[in-house]
Amino acid sequence: MSQSIYVGNLPYSTQEGDLREVFEAHGNVENVKIIRDRETGRSRGFGFVEMANDEEAQAAITALNGSDLGGRTLKVSFSKPRNDR
Protein backbone atom coordinates (compact mmCIF):
# COMPACT_ATOMS: atom_id res chain seq x y z
CA MET A 1 0.00 0.00 0.00
CA SER A 2 1.40 3.39 -0.95
CA GLN A 3 2.14 5.96 1.71
CA SER A 4 1.69 9.71 1.24
CA ILE A 5 4.39 12.06 2.55
CA TYR A 6 4.04 15.81 3.13
CA VAL A 7 7.04 17.91 2.03
CA GLY A 8 7.06 21.50 3.25
CA ASN A 9 9.32 24.55 2.96
CA LEU A 10 10.18 23.77 -0.65
CA PRO A 11 11.99 26.40 -2.70
CA TYR A 12 9.45 27.95 -5.07
CA SER A 13 11.64 26.96 -8.03
CA THR A 14 11.42 23.21 -7.23
CA GLN A 15 9.90 21.12 -10.01
CA GLU A 16 8.19 17.75 -9.56
CA GLY A 17 11.08 15.98 -11.32
CA ASP A 18 13.55 17.51 -8.85
CA LEU A 19 11.52 16.31 -5.88
CA ARG A 20 11.11 12.83 -7.40
CA GLU A 21 14.89 12.55 -7.82
CA VAL A 22 15.53 13.46 -4.16
CA PHE A 23 13.04 10.85 -2.89
CA GLU A 24 14.02 8.07 -5.32
CA ALA A 25 17.31 7.73 -3.45
CA HIS A 26 15.24 6.23 -0.61
CA GLY A 27 12.80 3.98 -2.46
CA ASN A 28 10.20 3.61 -5.19
CA VAL A 29 8.30 6.86 -5.82
CA GLU A 30 4.80 6.36 -7.23
CA ASN A 31 3.63 9.96 -7.52
CA VAL A 32 4.83 13.52 -6.89
CA LYS A 33 2.59 16.58 -6.67
CA ILE A 34 3.72 20.13 -5.92
CA ILE A 35 0.78 22.28 -4.87
CA ARG A 36 0.36 25.42 -6.96
CA ASP A 37 -1.67 28.60 -6.59
CA ARG A 38 -4.82 28.45 -8.73
CA GLU A 39 -4.53 32.06 -9.90
CA THR A 40 -0.82 32.41 -10.60
CA GLY A 41 0.34 28.82 -11.09
CA ARG A 42 3.25 29.54 -8.74
CA SER A 43 4.34 26.88 -6.26
CA ARG A 44 2.90 27.31 -2.78
CA GLY A 45 6.09 25.86 -1.24
CA PHE A 46 4.80 22.40 -0.36
CA GLY A 47 3.86 19.15 -1.99
CA PHE A 48 3.21 15.44 -1.56
CA VAL A 49 5.18 12.35 -2.52
CA GLU A 50 3.68 8.85 -2.61
CA MET A 51 6.11 6.06 -1.81
CA ALA A 52 5.49 2.36 -2.54
CA ASN A 53 5.40 1.20 1.08
CA ASP A 54 5.66 2.30 4.71
CA GLU A 55 9.29 1.20 5.15
CA GLU A 56 10.54 3.25 2.19
CA ALA A 57 8.41 6.21 3.27
CA GLN A 58 9.84 6.09 6.80
CA ALA A 59 13.39 5.85 5.43
CA ALA A 60 12.80 8.92 3.25
CA ILE A 61 11.27 10.90 6.13
CA THR A 62 14.14 10.02 8.46
CA ALA A 63 16.77 10.93 5.88
CA LEU A 64 15.18 14.08 4.44
CA ASN A 65 13.43 15.84 7.33
CA GLY A 66 15.63 18.80 8.22
CA SER A 67 17.81 18.40 5.13
CA ASP A 68 18.67 21.24 2.76
CA LEU A 69 17.15 21.67 -0.71
CA GLY A 70 17.98 24.81 -2.63
CA GLY A 71 18.97 26.66 0.54
CA ARG A 72 15.77 25.79 2.45
CA THR A 73 15.34 23.30 5.29
CA LEU A 74 12.76 20.69 4.34
CA LYS A 75 9.93 19.63 6.64
CA VAL A 76 9.06 16.03 5.80
CA SER A 77 6.42 13.91 7.55
CA PHE A 78 3.62 11.45 6.91
CA SER A 79 0.70 13.39 5.45
CA LYS A 80 -2.48 13.77 7.45
CA PRO A 81 -5.98 13.31 6.02
CA ARG A 82 -7.40 16.47 4.51
CA ASN A 83 -10.15 18.15 6.54
CA ASP A 84 -13.28 19.16 4.67
CA ARG A 85 -13.78 22.88 4.62
PDB file of N, CA and C in Angstrom:
ATOM      1  N   MET A   1       0.840  -1.183   0.000  1.00  0.00           N
ATOM      2  CA  MET A   1       0.000   0.000   0.000  1.00  0.00           C
ATOM      3  C   MET A   1       0.881   1.241   0.000  1.00  0.00           C
ATOM      4  N   SER A   2       0.570   2.187  -0.863  1.00  0.00           N
ATOM      5  CA  SER A   2       1.403   3.386  -0.949  1.00  0.00           C
ATOM      6  C   SER A   2       1.168   4.296   0.250  1.00  0.00           C
ATOM      7  N   GLN A   3       2.179   5.074   0.555  1.00  0.00           N
ATOM      8  CA  GLN A   3       2.142   5.963   1.709  1.00  0.00           C
ATOM      9  C   GLN A   3       2.404   7.383   1.243  1.00  0.00           C
ATOM     10  N   SER A   4       1.552   8.316   1.632  1.00  0.00           N
ATOM     11  CA  SER A   4       1.685   9.712   1.238  1.00  0.00           C
ATOM     12  C   SER A   4       2.543  10.469   2.253  1.00  0.00           C
ATOM     13  N   ILE A   5       3.457  11.284   1.727  1.00  0.00           N
ATOM     14  CA  ILE A   5       4.385  12.059   2.546  1.00  0.00           C
ATOM     15  C   ILE A   5       4.206  13.538   2.222  1.00  0.00           C
ATOM     16  N   TYR A   6       4.105  14.358   3.263  1.00  0.00           N
ATOM     17  CA  TYR A   6       4.045  15.812   3.132  1.00  0.00           C
ATOM     18  C   TYR A   6       5.471  16.352   3.073  1.00  0.00           C
ATOM     19  N   VAL A   7       5.730  17.265   2.141  1.00  0.00           N
ATOM     20  CA  VAL A   7       7.040  17.906   2.033  1.00  0.00           C
ATOM     21  C   VAL A   7       6.818  19.408   2.044  1.00  0.00           C
ATOM     22  N   GLY A   8       7.265  20.062   3.105  1.00  0.00           N
ATOM     23  CA  GLY A   8       7.064  21.498   3.249  1.00  0.00           C
ATOM     24  C   GLY A   8       8.359  22.282   3.171  1.00  0.00           C
ATOM     25  N   ASN A   9       8.208  23.593   3.037  1.00  0.00           N
ATOM     26  CA  ASN A   9       9.316  24.550   2.961  1.00  0.00           C
ATOM     27  C   ASN A   9      10.157  24.339   1.705  1.00  0.00           C
ATOM     28  N   LEU A  10       9.487  23.957   0.625  1.00  0.00           N
ATOM     29  CA  LEU A  10      10.182  23.774  -0.653  1.00  0.00           C
ATOM     30  C   LEU A  10      10.552  25.123  -1.264  1.00  0.00           C
ATOM     31  N   PRO A  11      11.705  25.208  -1.914  1.00  0.00           N
ATOM     32  CA  PRO A  11      11.991  26.404  -2.697  1.00  0.00           C
ATOM     33  C   PRO A  11      10.926  26.537  -3.796  1.00  0.00           C
ATOM     34  N   TYR A  12      10.504  27.742  -4.080  1.00  0.00           N
ATOM     35  CA  TYR A  12       9.448  27.951  -5.073  1.00  0.00           C
ATOM     36  C   TYR A  12       9.857  27.504  -6.470  1.00  0.00           C
ATOM     37  N   SER A  13      11.144  27.376  -6.706  1.00  0.00           N
ATOM     38  CA  SER A  13      11.636  26.962  -8.025  1.00  0.00           C
ATOM     39  C   SER A  13      11.662  25.440  -8.201  1.00  0.00           C
ATOM     40  N   THR A  14      11.363  24.679  -7.157  1.00  0.00           N
ATOM     41  CA  THR A  14      11.424  23.215  -7.225  1.00  0.00           C
ATOM     42  C   THR A  14      10.375  22.671  -8.190  1.00  0.00           C
ATOM     43  N   GLN A  15      10.799  21.791  -9.073  1.00  0.00           N
ATOM     44  CA  GLN A  15       9.895  21.120 -10.012  1.00  0.00           C
ATOM     45  C   GLN A  15       9.627  19.703  -9.510  1.00  0.00           C
ATOM     46  N   GLU A  16       8.552  19.100  -9.997  1.00  0.00           N
ATOM     47  CA  GLU A  16       8.188  17.753  -9.562  1.00  0.00           C
ATOM     48  C   GLU A  16       9.286  16.741  -9.864  1.00  0.00           C
ATOM     49  N   GLY A  17       9.976  16.881 -10.988  1.00  0.00           N
ATOM     50  CA  GLY A  17      11.078  15.983 -11.319  1.00  0.00           C
ATOM     51  C   GLY A  17      12.219  16.085 -10.323  1.00  0.00           C
ATOM     52  N   ASP A  18      12.490  17.309  -9.850  1.00  0.00           N
ATOM     53  CA  ASP A  18      13.548  17.509  -8.846  1.00  0.00           C
ATOM     54  C   ASP A  18      13.205  16.786  -7.548  1.00  0.00           C
ATOM     55  N   LEU A  19      11.956  16.931  -7.129  1.00  0.00           N
ATOM     56  CA  LEU A  19      11.518  16.312  -5.881  1.00  0.00           C
ATOM     57  C   LEU A  19      11.516  14.785  -5.998  1.00  0.00           C
ATOM     58  N   ARG A  20      11.096  14.285  -7.150  1.00  0.00           N
ATOM     59  CA  ARG A  20      11.108  12.834  -7.396  1.00  0.00           C
ATOM     60  C   ARG A  20      12.532  12.296  -7.274  1.00  0.00           C
ATOM     61  N   GLU A  21      13.488  12.994  -7.847  1.00  0.00           N
ATOM     62  CA  GLU A  21      14.888  12.554  -7.815  1.00  0.00           C
ATOM     63  C   GLU A  21      15.415  12.472  -6.386  1.00  0.00           C
ATOM     64  N   VAL A  22      15.073  13.445  -5.558  1.00  0.00           N
ATOM     65  CA  VAL A  22      15.525  13.458  -4.163  1.00  0.00           C
ATOM     66  C   VAL A  22      14.961  12.248  -3.415  1.00  0.00           C
ATOM     67  N   PHE A  23      13.683  11.936  -3.624  1.00  0.00           N
ATOM     68  CA  PHE A  23      13.038  10.847  -2.889  1.00  0.00           C
ATOM     69  C   PHE A  23      13.380   9.468  -3.456  1.00  0.00           C
ATOM     70  N   GLU A  24      13.690   9.371  -4.728  1.00  0.00           N
ATOM     71  CA  GLU A  24      14.016   8.070  -5.315  1.00  0.00           C
ATOM     72  C   GLU A  24      15.275   7.455  -4.725  1.00  0.00           C
ATOM     73  N   ALA A  25      16.115   8.257  -4.113  1.00  0.00           N
ATOM     74  CA  ALA A  25      17.313   7.727  -3.453  1.00  0.00           C
ATOM     75  C   ALA A  25      16.942   6.864  -2.249  1.00  0.00           C
ATOM     76  N   HIS A  26      15.665   6.948  -1.811  1.00  0.00           N
ATOM     77  CA  HIS A  26      15.237   6.231  -0.608  1.00  0.00           C
ATOM     78  C   HIS A  26      14.169   5.178  -0.878  1.00  0.00           C
ATOM     79  N   GLY A  27      13.793   5.005  -2.145  1.00  0.00           N
ATOM     80  CA  GLY A  27      12.800   3.979  -2.461  1.00  0.00           C
ATOM     81  C   GLY A  27      12.035   4.290  -3.729  1.00  0.00           C
ATOM     82  N   ASN A  28      11.019   3.486  -3.986  1.00  0.00           N
ATOM     83  CA  ASN A  28      10.199   3.610  -5.186  1.00  0.00           C
ATOM     84  C   ASN A  28       9.158   4.716  -5.012  1.00  0.00           C
ATOM     85  N   VAL A  29       9.238   5.740  -5.864  1.00  0.00           N
ATOM     86  CA  VAL A  29       8.298   6.858  -5.820  1.00  0.00           C
ATOM     87  C   VAL A  29       7.184   6.591  -6.828  1.00  0.00           C
ATOM     88  N   GLU A  30       5.943   6.612  -6.349  1.00  0.00           N
ATOM     89  CA  GLU A  30       4.800   6.358  -7.225  1.00  0.00           C
ATOM     90  C   GLU A  30       4.211   7.626  -7.806  1.00  0.00           C
ATOM     91  N   ASN A  31       4.237   8.723  -7.045  1.00  0.00           N
ATOM     92  CA  ASN A  31       3.629   9.964  -7.518  1.00  0.00           C
ATOM     93  C   ASN A  31       4.242  11.147  -6.782  1.00  0.00           C
ATOM     94  N   VAL A  32       4.345  12.279  -7.485  1.00  0.00           N
ATOM     95  CA  VAL A  32       4.833  13.524  -6.892  1.00  0.00           C
ATOM     96  C   VAL A  32       3.888  14.638  -7.315  1.00  0.00           C
ATOM     97  N   LYS A  33       3.484  15.473  -6.366  1.00  0.00           N
ATOM     98  CA  LYS A  33       2.588  16.583  -6.671  1.00  0.00           C
ATOM     99  C   LYS A  33       3.014  17.798  -5.864  1.00  0.00           C
ATOM    100  N   ILE A  34       3.431  18.862  -6.567  1.00  0.00           N
ATOM    101  CA  ILE A  34       3.722  20.130  -5.919  1.00  0.00           C
ATOM    102  C   ILE A  34       2.451  20.973  -6.024  1.00  0.00           C
ATOM    103  N   ILE A  35       2.015  21.515  -4.908  1.00  0.00           N
ATOM    104  CA  ILE A  35       0.776  22.281  -4.870  1.00  0.00           C
ATOM    105  C   ILE A  35       1.050  23.690  -5.396  1.00  0.00           C
ATOM    106  N   ARG A  36       0.194  24.117  -6.314  1.00  0.00           N
ATOM    107  CA  ARG A  36       0.358  25.418  -6.963  1.00  0.00           C
ATOM    108  C   ARG A  36      -0.848  26.314  -6.714  1.00  0.00           C
ATOM    109  N   ASP A  37      -0.608  27.611  -6.729  1.00  0.00           N
ATOM    110  CA  ASP A  37      -1.670  28.600  -6.589  1.00  0.00           C
ATOM    111  C   ASP A  37      -2.576  28.554  -7.814  1.00  0.00           C
ATOM    112  N   ARG A  38      -3.870  28.533  -7.606  1.00  0.00           N
ATOM    113  CA  ARG A  38      -4.815  28.448  -8.727  1.00  0.00           C
ATOM    114  C   ARG A  38      -4.742  29.644  -9.666  1.00  0.00           C
ATOM    115  N   GLU A  39      -4.514  30.820  -9.101  1.00  0.00           N
ATOM    116  CA  GLU A  39      -4.527  32.058  -9.898  1.00  0.00           C
ATOM    117  C   GLU A  39      -3.228  32.276 -10.671  1.00  0.00           C
ATOM    118  N   THR A  40      -2.100  32.078  -9.986  1.00  0.00           N
ATOM    119  CA  THR A  40      -0.819  32.413 -10.601  1.00  0.00           C
ATOM    120  C   THR A  40      -0.070  31.206 -11.154  1.00  0.00           C
ATOM    121  N   GLY A  41      -0.386  30.009 -10.670  1.00  0.00           N
ATOM    122  CA  GLY A  41       0.336  28.817 -11.086  1.00  0.00           C
ATOM    123  C   GLY A  41       1.676  28.654 -10.380  1.00  0.00           C
ATOM    124  N   ARG A  42       1.992  29.578  -9.477  1.00  0.00           N
ATOM    125  CA  ARG A  42       3.253  29.538  -8.739  1.00  0.00           C
ATOM    126  C   ARG A  42       3.166  28.512  -7.614  1.00  0.00           C
ATOM    127  N   SER A  43       4.277  27.849  -7.353  1.00  0.00           N
ATOM    128  CA  SER A  43       4.338  26.881  -6.262  1.00  0.00           C
ATOM    129  C   SER A  43       3.958  27.555  -4.953  1.00  0.00           C
ATOM    130  N   ARG A  44       3.251  26.801  -4.102  1.00  0.00           N
ATOM    131  CA  ARG A  44       2.896  27.311  -2.779  1.00  0.00           C
ATOM    132  C   ARG A  44       3.924  26.894  -1.732  1.00  0.00           C
ATOM    133  N   GLY A  45       4.995  26.201  -2.151  1.00  0.00           N
ATOM    134  CA  GLY A  45       6.085  25.858  -1.237  1.00  0.00           C
ATOM    135  C   GLY A  45       5.914  24.539  -0.508  1.00  0.00           C
ATOM    136  N   PHE A  46       4.942  23.722  -0.955  1.00  0.00           N
ATOM    137  CA  PHE A  46       4.799  22.401  -0.360  1.00  0.00           C
ATOM    138  C   PHE A  46       4.233  21.435  -1.379  1.00  0.00           C
ATOM    139  N   GLY A  47       4.362  20.157  -1.069  1.00  0.00           N
ATOM    140  CA  GLY A  47       3.864  19.147  -1.986  1.00  0.00           C
ATOM    141  C   GLY A  47       3.729  17.805  -1.285  1.00  0.00           C
ATOM    142  N   PHE A  48       3.413  16.786  -2.082  1.00  0.00           N
ATOM    143  CA  PHE A  48       3.209  15.442  -1.561  1.00  0.00           C
ATOM    144  C   PHE A  48       3.931  14.438  -2.448  1.00  0.00           C
ATOM    145  N   VAL A  49       4.495  13.433  -1.812  1.00  0.00           N
ATOM    146  CA  VAL A  49       5.176  12.352  -2.516  1.00  0.00           C
ATOM    147  C   VAL A  49       4.545  11.048  -2.041  1.00  0.00           C
ATOM    148  N   GLU A  50       4.194  10.173  -2.974  1.00  0.00           N
ATOM    149  CA  GLU A  50       3.680   8.850  -2.608  1.00  0.00           C
ATOM    150  C   GLU A  50       4.783   7.828  -2.829  1.00  0.00           C
ATOM    151  N   MET A  51       5.099   7.106  -1.757  1.00  0.00           N
ATOM    152  CA  MET A  51       6.112   6.057  -1.811  1.00  0.00           C
ATOM    153  C   MET A  51       5.404   4.712  -1.840  1.00  0.00           C
ATOM    154  N   ALA A  52       6.088   3.682  -2.336  1.00  0.00           N
ATOM    155  CA  ALA A  52       5.489   2.364  -2.543  1.00  0.00           C
ATOM    156  C   ALA A  52       5.041   1.687  -1.258  1.00  0.00           C
ATOM    157  N   ASN A  53       5.784   1.864  -0.166  1.00  0.00           N
ATOM    158  CA  ASN A  53       5.396   1.196   1.078  1.00  0.00           C
ATOM    159  C   ASN A  53       5.843   2.004   2.289  1.00  0.00           C
ATOM    160  N   ASP A  54       5.384   1.577   3.466  1.00  0.00           N
ATOM    161  CA  ASP A  54       5.664   2.300   4.707  1.00  0.00           C
ATOM    162  C   ASP A  54       7.141   2.349   5.053  1.00  0.00           C
ATOM    163  N   GLU A  55       7.867   1.247   4.796  1.00  0.00           N
ATOM    164  CA  GLU A  55       9.286   1.200   5.152  1.00  0.00           C
ATOM    165  C   GLU A  55      10.091   2.219   4.341  1.00  0.00           C
ATOM    166  N   GLU A  56       9.835   2.283   3.032  1.00  0.00           N
ATOM    167  CA  GLU A  56      10.541   3.250   2.189  1.00  0.00           C
ATOM    168  C   GLU A  56      10.154   4.675   2.561  1.00  0.00           C
ATOM    169  N   ALA A  57       8.880   4.880   2.868  1.00  0.00           N
ATOM    170  CA  ALA A  57       8.415   6.212   3.266  1.00  0.00           C
ATOM    171  C   ALA A  57       9.103   6.643   4.557  1.00  0.00           C
ATOM    172  N   GLN A  58       9.183   5.754   5.528  1.00  0.00           N
ATOM    173  CA  GLN A  58       9.836   6.088   6.801  1.00  0.00           C
ATOM    174  C   GLN A  58      11.314   6.379   6.590  1.00  0.00           C
ATOM    175  N   ALA A  59      11.971   5.610   5.726  1.00  0.00           N
ATOM    176  CA  ALA A  59      13.387   5.849   5.433  1.00  0.00           C
ATOM    177  C   ALA A  59      13.589   7.226   4.810  1.00  0.00           C
ATOM    178  N   ALA A  60      12.704   7.611   3.902  1.00  0.00           N
ATOM    179  CA  ALA A  60      12.803   8.919   3.255  1.00  0.00           C
ATOM    180  C   ALA A  60      12.564  10.045   4.261  1.00  0.00           C
ATOM    181  N   ILE A  61      11.563   9.874   5.118  1.00  0.00           N
ATOM    182  CA  ILE A  61      11.269  10.904   6.129  1.00  0.00           C
ATOM    183  C   ILE A  61      12.451  11.077   7.066  1.00  0.00           C
ATOM    184  N   THR A  62      13.002   9.964   7.547  1.00  0.00           N
ATOM    185  CA  THR A  62      14.140  10.017   8.465  1.00  0.00           C
ATOM    186  C   THR A  62      15.339  10.706   7.815  1.00  0.00           C
ATOM    187  N   ALA A  63      15.597  10.385   6.561  1.00  0.00           N
ATOM    188  CA  ALA A  63      16.773  10.933   5.876  1.00  0.00           C
ATOM    189  C   ALA A  63      16.588  12.390   5.458  1.00  0.00           C
ATOM    190  N   LEU A  64      15.368  12.779   5.070  1.00  0.00           N
ATOM    191  CA  LEU A  64      15.182  14.083   4.440  1.00  0.00           C
ATOM    192  C   LEU A  64      14.616  15.172   5.346  1.00  0.00           C
ATOM    193  N   ASN A  65      13.957  14.813   6.439  1.00  0.00           N
ATOM    194  CA  ASN A  65      13.428  15.840   7.332  1.00  0.00           C
ATOM    195  C   ASN A  65      14.583  16.637   7.924  1.00  0.00           C
ATOM    196  N   GLY A  66      14.559  17.943   7.728  1.00  0.00           N
ATOM    197  CA  GLY A  66      15.628  18.804   8.221  1.00  0.00           C
ATOM    198  C   GLY A  66      16.787  18.961   7.261  1.00  0.00           C
ATOM    199  N   SER A  67      16.724  18.274   6.112  1.00  0.00           N
ATOM    200  CA  SER A  67      17.812  18.398   5.132  1.00  0.00           C
ATOM    201  C   SER A  67      17.630  19.663   4.297  1.00  0.00           C
ATOM    202  N   ASP A  68      18.665  20.022   3.568  1.00  0.00           N
ATOM    203  CA  ASP A  68      18.666  21.241   2.763  1.00  0.00           C
ATOM    204  C   ASP A  68      18.331  20.931   1.310  1.00  0.00           C
ATOM    205  N   LEU A  69      17.444  21.735   0.726  1.00  0.00           N
ATOM    206  CA  LEU A  69      17.150  21.669  -0.706  1.00  0.00           C
ATOM    207  C   LEU A  69      17.057  23.096  -1.213  1.00  0.00           C
ATOM    208  N   GLY A  70      17.989  23.456  -2.057  1.00  0.00           N
ATOM    209  CA  GLY A  70      17.976  24.809  -2.627  1.00  0.00           C
ATOM    210  C   GLY A  70      18.078  25.911  -1.593  1.00  0.00           C
ATOM    211  N   GLY A  71      18.785  25.646  -0.489  1.00  0.00           N
ATOM    212  CA  GLY A  71      18.966  26.663   0.539  1.00  0.00           C
ATOM    213  C   GLY A  71      17.839  26.730   1.557  1.00  0.00           C
ATOM    214  N   ARG A  72      16.881  25.812   1.490  1.00  0.00           N
ATOM    215  CA  ARG A  72      15.770  25.792   2.449  1.00  0.00           C
ATOM    216  C   ARG A  72      15.764  24.461   3.195  1.00  0.00           C
ATOM    217  N   THR A  73      15.393  24.501   4.461  1.00  0.00           N
ATOM    218  CA  THR A  73      15.345  23.303   5.294  1.00  0.00           C
ATOM    219  C   THR A  73      13.989  22.632   5.122  1.00  0.00           C
ATOM    220  N   LEU A  74      14.002  21.405   4.603  1.00  0.00           N
ATOM    221  CA  LEU A  74      12.755  20.687   4.336  1.00  0.00           C
ATOM    222  C   LEU A  74      12.081  20.218   5.611  1.00  0.00           C
ATOM    223  N   LYS A  75      10.747  20.216   5.583  1.00  0.00           N
ATOM    224  CA  LYS A  75       9.933  19.629   6.639  1.00  0.00           C
ATOM    225  C   LYS A  75       9.218  18.448   6.005  1.00  0.00           C
ATOM    226  N   VAL A  76       9.567  17.249   6.423  1.00  0.00           N
ATOM    227  CA  VAL A  76       9.058  16.029   5.796  1.00  0.00           C
ATOM    228  C   VAL A  76       8.394  15.158   6.866  1.00  0.00           C
ATOM    229  N   SER A  77       7.139  14.751   6.602  1.00  0.00           N
ATOM    230  CA  SER A  77       6.415  13.905   7.554  1.00  0.00           C
ATOM    231  C   SER A  77       5.331  13.133   6.818  1.00  0.00           C
ATOM    232  N   PHE A  78       4.765  12.127   7.488  1.00  0.00           N
ATOM    233  CA  PHE A  78       3.618  11.445   6.906  1.00  0.00           C
ATOM    234  C   PHE A  78       2.495  12.464   6.760  1.00  0.00           C
ATOM    235  N   SER A  79       1.788  12.426   5.644  1.00  0.00           N
ATOM    236  CA  SER A  79       0.699  13.386   5.451  1.00  0.00           C
ATOM    237  C   SER A  79      -0.501  12.986   6.294  1.00  0.00           C
ATOM    238  N   LYS A  80      -1.269  13.992   6.658  1.00  0.00           N
ATOM    239  CA  LYS A  80      -2.477  13.774   7.450  1.00  0.00           C
ATOM    240  C   LYS A  80      -3.679  13.872   6.521  1.00  0.00           C
ATOM    241  N   PRO A  81      -4.786  13.200   6.861  1.00  0.00           N
ATOM    242  CA  PRO A  81      -5.983  13.313   6.021  1.00  0.00           C
ATOM    243  C   PRO A  81      -6.450  14.756   5.920  1.00  0.00           C
ATOM    244  N   ARG A  82      -6.928  15.109   4.749  1.00  0.00           N
ATOM    245  CA  ARG A  82      -7.398  16.474   4.514  1.00  0.00           C
ATOM    246  C   ARG A  82      -8.747  16.688   5.196  1.00  0.00           C
ATOM    247  N   ASN A  83      -8.877  17.801   5.907  1.00  0.00           N
ATOM    248  CA  ASN A  83     -10.149  18.145   6.540  1.00  0.00           C
ATOM    249  C   ASN A  83     -11.054  18.815   5.517  1.00  0.00           C
ATOM    250  N   ASP A  84     -12.332  18.478   5.541  1.00  0.00           N
ATOM    251  CA  ASP A  84     -13.283  19.156   4.672  1.00  0.00           C
ATOM    252  C   ASP A  84     -13.485  20.570   5.170  1.00  0.00           C
ATOM    253  N   ARG A  85     -13.615  21.482   4.234  1.00  0.00           N
ATOM    254  CA  ARG A  85     -13.778  22.879   4.622  1.00  0.00           C
ATOM    255  C   ARG A  85     -15.225  23.209   4.848  1.00  0.00           C
TER     256      ARG A  85
END
